């Protein structure tokens, strides 16, 4: 098993950035100033399967948007930190809230604001369109792009490493 998979076996908390990870990074702003984002349903299903396998999910975002709260609620994600300027502080708060060590947490981010967490967590993941500097600090770079399956890819990679993926998929074959 390669290094990312060995790290993935330890994960008990999976944390995701939003813009550029759960979405393609495009921000849609209405004339009324309301922000909208597009989330991929297969990414959402990957998150649900990972959660059902026993991994706690969290969102850690530097921006704040009501649509993220709605998406998190739809997916049953209880740990949602938005508007966090210093993501390292949010990461530490999530570790305390869930009761895990940094090596037991994965983080998926795509920009320089994410580097402090990517450098500290047990499994650092990003998308292919992330800047070279960010990619250089990650254990795993997905084949899929942000908002187009990257989240699902990481979720399945963690479940595969932990031996829970087949059981999650079998639930849909019954």
C-alpha atoms as a PDB file:
ATOM      1  CA  UNK A   1       0.000   0.000   0.000  1.00  0.00           C
ATOM      2  CA  UNK A   2       1.431   3.418  -0.909  1.00  0.00           C
ATOM      3  CA  UNK A   3       1.950   6.257   1.573  1.00  0.00           C
ATOM      4  CA  UNK A   4      -1.385   8.050   0.960  1.00  0.00           C
ATOM      5  CA  UNK A   5      -3.268   4.801   1.560  1.00  0.00           C
ATOM      6  CA  UNK A   6      -1.332   4.102   4.757  1.00  0.00           C
ATOM      7  CA  UNK A   7      -2.242   7.600   5.929  1.00  0.00           C
ATOM      8  CA  UNK A   8      -5.878   7.113   4.838  1.00  0.00           C
ATOM      9  CA  UNK A   9      -6.232   4.059   7.104  1.00  0.00           C
ATOM     10  CA  UNK A  10      -5.793   6.361  10.125  1.00  0.00           C
ATOM     11  CA  UNK A  11      -8.433   8.946   9.173  1.00  0.00           C
ATOM     12  CA  UNK A  12     -11.299   9.492  11.627  1.00  0.00           C
ATOM     13  CA  UNK A  13     -12.111  13.084  10.637  1.00  0.00           C
ATOM     14  CA  UNK A  14     -12.331  14.283   7.005  1.00  0.00           C
ATOM     15  CA  UNK A  15     -12.339  18.059   6.552  1.00  0.00           C
ATOM     16  CA  UNK A  16     -13.143  19.803   3.279  1.00  0.00           C
ATOM     17  CA  UNK A  17     -12.710  23.324   1.969  1.00  0.00           C
ATOM     18  CA  UNK A  18     -15.610  24.510  -0.176  1.00  0.00           C
ATOM     19  CA  UNK A  19     -14.588  26.790  -3.061  1.00  0.00           C
ATOM     20  CA  UNK A  20     -12.432  24.877  -5.526  1.00  0.00           C
ATOM     21  CA  UNK A  21     -12.954  21.556  -3.708  1.00  0.00           C
ATOM     22  CA  UNK A  22     -16.664  20.947  -3.144  1.00  0.00           C
ATOM     23  CA  UNK A  23     -17.338  23.382  -6.014  1.00  0.00           C
ATOM     24  CA  UNK A  24     -15.403  24.293  -9.145  1.00  0.00           C
ATOM     25  CA  UNK A  25     -14.454  27.573  -7.497  1.00  0.00           C
ATOM     26  CA  UNK A  26     -16.845  29.730  -9.493  1.00  0.00           C
ATOM     27  CA  UNK A  27     -18.833  32.202  -7.407  1.00  0.00           C
ATOM     28  CA  UNK A  28     -22.265  33.169  -8.691  1.00  0.00           C
ATOM     29  CA  UNK A  29     -23.599  36.381  -7.184  1.00  0.00           C
ATOM     30  CA  UNK A  30     -27.161  37.533  -7.862  1.00  0.00           C
ATOM     31  CA  UNK A  31     -28.175  41.159  -8.317  1.00  0.00           C
ATOM     32  CA  UNK A  32     -29.433  41.024  -4.726  1.00  0.00           C
ATOM     33  CA  UNK A  33     -25.940  40.024  -3.548  1.00  0.00           C
ATOM     34  CA  UNK A  34     -26.826  36.421  -2.728  1.00  0.00           C
ATOM     35  CA  UNK A  35     -24.023  33.955  -3.374  1.00  0.00           C
ATOM     36  CA  UNK A  36     -24.748  30.663  -5.132  1.00  0.00           C
ATOM     37  CA  UNK A  37     -22.525  27.627  -5.659  1.00  0.00           C
ATOM     38  CA  UNK A  38     -22.868  24.412  -7.614  1.00  0.00           C
ATOM     39  CA  UNK A  39     -22.288  21.145  -5.759  1.00  0.00           C
ATOM     40  CA  UNK A  40     -21.943  17.775  -7.502  1.00  0.00           C
ATOM     41  CA  UNK A  41     -24.397  15.133  -6.286  1.00  0.00           C
ATOM     42  CA  UNK A  42     -21.876  12.298  -6.614  1.00  0.00           C
ATOM     43  CA  UNK A  43     -19.493  14.165  -4.330  1.00  0.00           C
ATOM     44  CA  UNK A  44     -22.374  14.409  -1.861  1.00  0.00           C
ATOM     45  CA  UNK A  45     -23.026  10.690  -2.079  1.00  0.00           C
ATOM     46  CA  UNK A  46     -19.346   9.989  -1.478  1.00  0.00           C
ATOM     47  CA  UNK A  47     -19.508  12.142   1.646  1.00  0.00           C
ATOM     48  CA  UNK A  48     -22.571  10.238   2.895  1.00  0.00           C
ATOM     49  CA  UNK A  49     -20.868   6.875   2.309  1.00  0.00           C
ATOM     50  CA  UNK A  50     -17.736   8.042   4.133  1.00  0.00           C
ATOM     51  CA  UNK A  51     -19.856   9.290   7.010  1.00  0.00           C
ATOM     52  CA  UNK A  52     -21.771   5.988   7.116  1.00  0.00           C
ATOM     53  CA  UNK A  53     -18.453   4.167   7.303  1.00  0.00           C
ATOM     54  CA  UNK A  54     -17.705   5.917  10.602  1.00  0.00           C
ATOM     55  CA  UNK A  55     -15.609   8.915   9.556  1.00  0.00           C
ATOM     56  CA  UNK A  56     -16.721  12.290  10.935  1.00  0.00           C
ATOM     57  CA  UNK A  57     -17.123  15.012   8.296  1.00  0.00           C
ATOM     58  CA  UNK A  58     -16.396  18.721   8.579  1.00  0.00           C
ATOM     59  CA  UNK A  59     -16.327  21.818   6.403  1.00  0.00           C
ATOM     60  CA  UNK A  60     -13.681  24.499   6.939  1.00  0.00           C
ATOM     61  CA  UNK A  61     -14.016  27.547   4.695  1.00  0.00           C
ATOM     62  CA  UNK A  62     -12.514  30.996   4.595  1.00  0.00           C
ATOM     63  CA  UNK A  63     -15.698  32.354   3.028  1.00  0.00           C
ATOM     64  CA  UNK A  64     -19.192  32.431   4.449  1.00  0.00           C
ATOM     65  CA  UNK A  65     -22.266  31.503   2.395  1.00  0.00           C
ATOM     66  CA  UNK A  66     -25.766  30.421   3.413  1.00  0.00           C
ATOM     67  CA  UNK A  67     -25.851  27.859   0.604  1.00  0.00           C
ATOM     68  CA  UNK A  68     -22.962  26.016   2.313  1.00  0.00           C
ATOM     69  CA  UNK A  69     -25.027  25.774   5.504  1.00  0.00           C
ATOM     70  CA  UNK A  70     -27.914  24.333   3.482  1.00  0.00           C
ATOM     71  CA  UNK A  71     -25.672  21.816   1.706  1.00  0.00           C
ATOM     72  CA  UNK A  72     -24.064  20.732   4.977  1.00  0.00           C
ATOM     73  CA  UNK A  73     -27.484  20.263   6.572  1.00  0.00           C
ATOM     74  CA  UNK A  74     -28.653  18.192   3.565  1.00  0.00           C
ATOM     75  CA  UNK A  75     -25.609  15.949   3.961  1.00  0.00           C
ATOM     76  CA  UNK A  76     -25.808  15.703   7.750  1.00  0.00           C
ATOM     77  CA  UNK A  77     -22.470  17.447   8.303  1.00  0.00           C
ATOM     78  CA  UNK A  78     -22.569  18.819  11.839  1.00  0.00           C
ATOM     79  CA  UNK A  79     -19.150  20.485  11.945  1.00  0.00           C
ATOM     80  CA  UNK A  80     -19.235  23.568   9.710  1.00  0.00           C
ATOM     81  CA  UNK A  81     -16.785  26.415  10.221  1.00  0.00           C
ATOM     82  CA  UNK A  82     -17.138  29.307   7.764  1.00  0.00           C
ATOM     83  CA  UNK A  83     -15.506  32.714   7.591  1.00  0.00           C
ATOM     84  CA  UNK A  84     -12.318  31.330   9.141  1.00  0.00           C
ATOM     85  CA  UNK A  85      -9.440  33.645   8.207  1.00  0.00           C
ATOM     86  CA  UNK A  86      -6.818  31.490   9.979  1.00  0.00           C
ATOM     87  CA  UNK A  87      -7.656  27.953   8.943  1.00  0.00           C
ATOM     88  CA  UNK A  88      -5.098  26.502  11.353  1.00  0.00           C
ATOM     89  CA  UNK A  89      -7.245  27.813  14.228  1.00  0.00           C
ATOM     90  CA  UNK A  90     -10.358  26.200  12.729  1.00  0.00           C
ATOM     91  CA  UNK A  91      -8.456  22.941  12.237  1.00  0.00           C
ATOM     92  CA  UNK A  92      -7.350  22.879  15.869  1.00  0.00           C
ATOM     93  CA  UNK A  93     -10.930  23.610  17.007  1.00  0.00           C
ATOM     94  CA  UNK A  94     -12.242  20.706  14.903  1.00  0.00           C
ATOM     95  CA  UNK A  95      -9.615  18.334  16.322  1.00  0.00           C
ATOM     96  CA  UNK A  96     -10.696  19.264  19.844  1.00  0.00           C
ATOM     97  CA  UNK A  97     -14.413  19.028  19.044  1.00  0.00           C
ATOM     98  CA  UNK A  98     -14.095  15.548  17.545  1.00  0.00           C
ATOM     99  CA  UNK A  99     -11.378  14.326  19.914  1.00  0.00           C
ATOM    100  CA  UNK A 100      -8.806  13.205  17.350  1.00  0.00           C
ATOM    101  CA  UNK A 101      -5.140  13.895  16.710  1.00  0.00           C
ATOM    102  CA  UNK A 102      -3.912  15.763  13.628  1.00  0.00           C
ATOM    103  CA  UNK A 103      -2.619  12.508  12.087  1.00  0.00           C
ATOM    104  CA  UNK A 104      -6.192  11.140  12.222  1.00  0.00           C
ATOM    105  CA  UNK A 105      -7.586  14.029  10.159  1.00  0.00           C
ATOM    106  CA  UNK A 106      -7.563  14.549   6.418  1.00  0.00           C
ATOM    107  CA  UNK A 107      -7.947  17.926   4.806  1.00  0.00           C
ATOM    108  CA  UNK A 108      -8.735  18.777   1.209  1.00  0.00           C
ATOM    109  CA  UNK A 109      -7.925  22.327   0.156  1.00  0.00           C
ATOM    110  CA  UNK A 110      -6.743  24.072  -2.981  1.00  0.00           C
ATOM    111  CA  UNK A 111      -5.079  27.406  -2.224  1.00  0.00           C
ATOM    112  CA  UNK A 112      -2.359  29.008  -0.144  1.00  0.00           C
ATOM    113  CA  UNK A 113      -4.776  29.821   2.701  1.00  0.00           C
ATOM    114  CA  UNK A 114      -5.040  26.031   3.159  1.00  0.00           C
ATOM    115  CA  UNK A 115      -1.296  25.391   3.519  1.00  0.00           C
ATOM    116  CA  UNK A 116      -1.077  25.546   7.336  1.00  0.00           C
ATOM    117  CA  UNK A 117      -3.696  22.782   7.611  1.00  0.00           C
ATOM    118  CA  UNK A 118      -2.394  20.756   4.665  1.00  0.00           C
ATOM    119  CA  UNK A 119       1.069  20.756   6.278  1.00  0.00           C
ATOM    120  CA  UNK A 120      -0.259  19.589   9.672  1.00  0.00           C
ATOM    121  CA  UNK A 121      -2.961  17.023   8.917  1.00  0.00           C
ATOM    122  CA  UNK A 122      -2.443  13.289   8.521  1.00  0.00           C
ATOM    123  CA  UNK A 123      -3.639  13.122   4.905  1.00  0.00           C
ATOM    124  CA  UNK A 124      -3.379  16.257   2.767  1.00  0.00           C
ATOM    125  CA  UNK A 125      -5.281  16.201  -0.528  1.00  0.00           C
ATOM    126  CA  UNK A 126      -5.900  18.658  -3.319  1.00  0.00           C
ATOM    127  CA  UNK A 127      -7.136  18.937  -6.885  1.00  0.00           C
ATOM    128  CA  UNK A 128      -5.046  19.066 -10.076  1.00  0.00           C
ATOM    129  CA  UNK A 129      -5.813  22.740 -10.700  1.00  0.00           C
ATOM    130  CA  UNK A 130      -4.395  23.831  -7.331  1.00  0.00           C
ATOM    131  CA  UNK A 131      -1.254  25.986  -7.509  1.00  0.00           C
ATOM    132  CA  UNK A 132       2.050  24.107  -7.709  1.00  0.00           C
ATOM    133  CA  UNK A 133       3.001  25.260  -4.207  1.00  0.00           C
ATOM    134  CA  UNK A 134      -0.174  23.735  -2.755  1.00  0.00           C
ATOM    135  CA  UNK A 135       0.226  20.495  -4.714  1.00  0.00           C
ATOM    136  CA  UNK A 136       3.805  20.188  -3.460  1.00  0.00           C
ATOM    137  CA  UNK A 137       2.537  19.959   0.133  1.00  0.00           C
ATOM    138  CA  UNK A 138      -0.089  17.277  -0.498  1.00  0.00           C
ATOM    139  CA  UNK A 139       0.066  13.513  -0.136  1.00  0.00           C
ATOM    140  CA  UNK A 140      -2.665  13.030  -2.735  1.00  0.00           C
ATOM    141  CA  UNK A 141      -3.723  14.937  -5.849  1.00  0.00           C
ATOM    142  CA  UNK A 142      -7.010  13.696  -7.251  1.00  0.00           C
ATOM    143  CA  UNK A 143      -7.540  12.951 -10.917  1.00  0.00           C
ATOM    144  CA  UNK A 144     -10.952  14.632 -10.774  1.00  0.00           C
ATOM    145  CA  UNK A 145     -11.233  18.397 -10.540  1.00  0.00           C
ATOM    146  CA  UNK A 146     -12.866  20.497  -7.848  1.00  0.00           C
ATOM    147  CA  UNK A 147     -16.643  20.297  -7.898  1.00  0.00           C
ATOM    148  CA  UNK A 148     -16.472  17.475 -10.441  1.00  0.00           C
ATOM    149  CA  UNK A 149     -15.772  14.344  -8.419  1.00  0.00           C
ATOM    150  CA  UNK A 150     -12.620  15.192  -6.457  1.00  0.00           C
ATOM    151  CA  UNK A 151     -14.420  14.905  -3.116  1.00  0.00           C
ATOM    152  CA  UNK A 152     -15.902  11.537  -4.093  1.00  0.00           C
ATOM    153  CA  UNK A 153     -12.473  10.316  -5.181  1.00  0.00           C
ATOM    154  CA  UNK A 154     -10.936  11.155  -1.808  1.00  0.00           C
ATOM    155  CA  UNK A 155     -13.878   9.636   0.086  1.00  0.00           C
ATOM    156  CA  UNK A 156     -13.558   6.380  -1.835  1.00  0.00           C
ATOM    157  CA  UNK A 157      -9.777   6.349  -1.373  1.00  0.00           C
ATOM    158  CA  UNK A 158     -10.185   6.620   2.398  1.00  0.00           C
ATOM    159  CA  UNK A 159     -12.873   3.915   2.484  1.00  0.00           C
ATOM    160  CA  UNK A 160     -10.792   1.626   0.251  1.00  0.00           C
ATOM    161  CA  UNK A 161      -7.783   2.007   2.556  1.00  0.00           C
ATOM    162  CA  UNK A 162      -9.949   1.328   5.615  1.00  0.00           C
ATOM    163  CA  UNK A 163     -11.670  -1.670   4.030  1.00  0.00           C
ATOM    164  CA  UNK A 164     -15.148  -0.125   4.181  1.00  0.00           C
ATOM    165  CA  UNK A 165     -15.798   0.791   0.547  1.00  0.00           C
ATOM    166  CA  UNK A 166     -17.205  -2.583  -0.533  1.00  0.00           C
ATOM    167  CA  UNK A 167     -19.713  -2.588   2.333  1.00  0.00           C
ATOM    168  CA  UNK A 168     -20.867   0.934   1.461  1.00  0.00           C
ATOM    169  CA  UNK A 169     -21.289   0.048  -2.214  1.00  0.00           C
ATOM    170  CA  UNK A 170     -23.061  -3.228  -1.372  1.00  0.00           C
ATOM    171  CA  UNK A 171     -25.780  -1.266   0.435  1.00  0.00           C
ATOM    172  CA  UNK A 172     -26.887  -0.052  -2.989  1.00  0.00           C
ATOM    173  CA  UNK A 173     -26.930  -3.484  -4.592  1.00  0.00           C
ATOM    174  CA  UNK A 174     -29.432  -5.023  -2.181  1.00  0.00           C
END
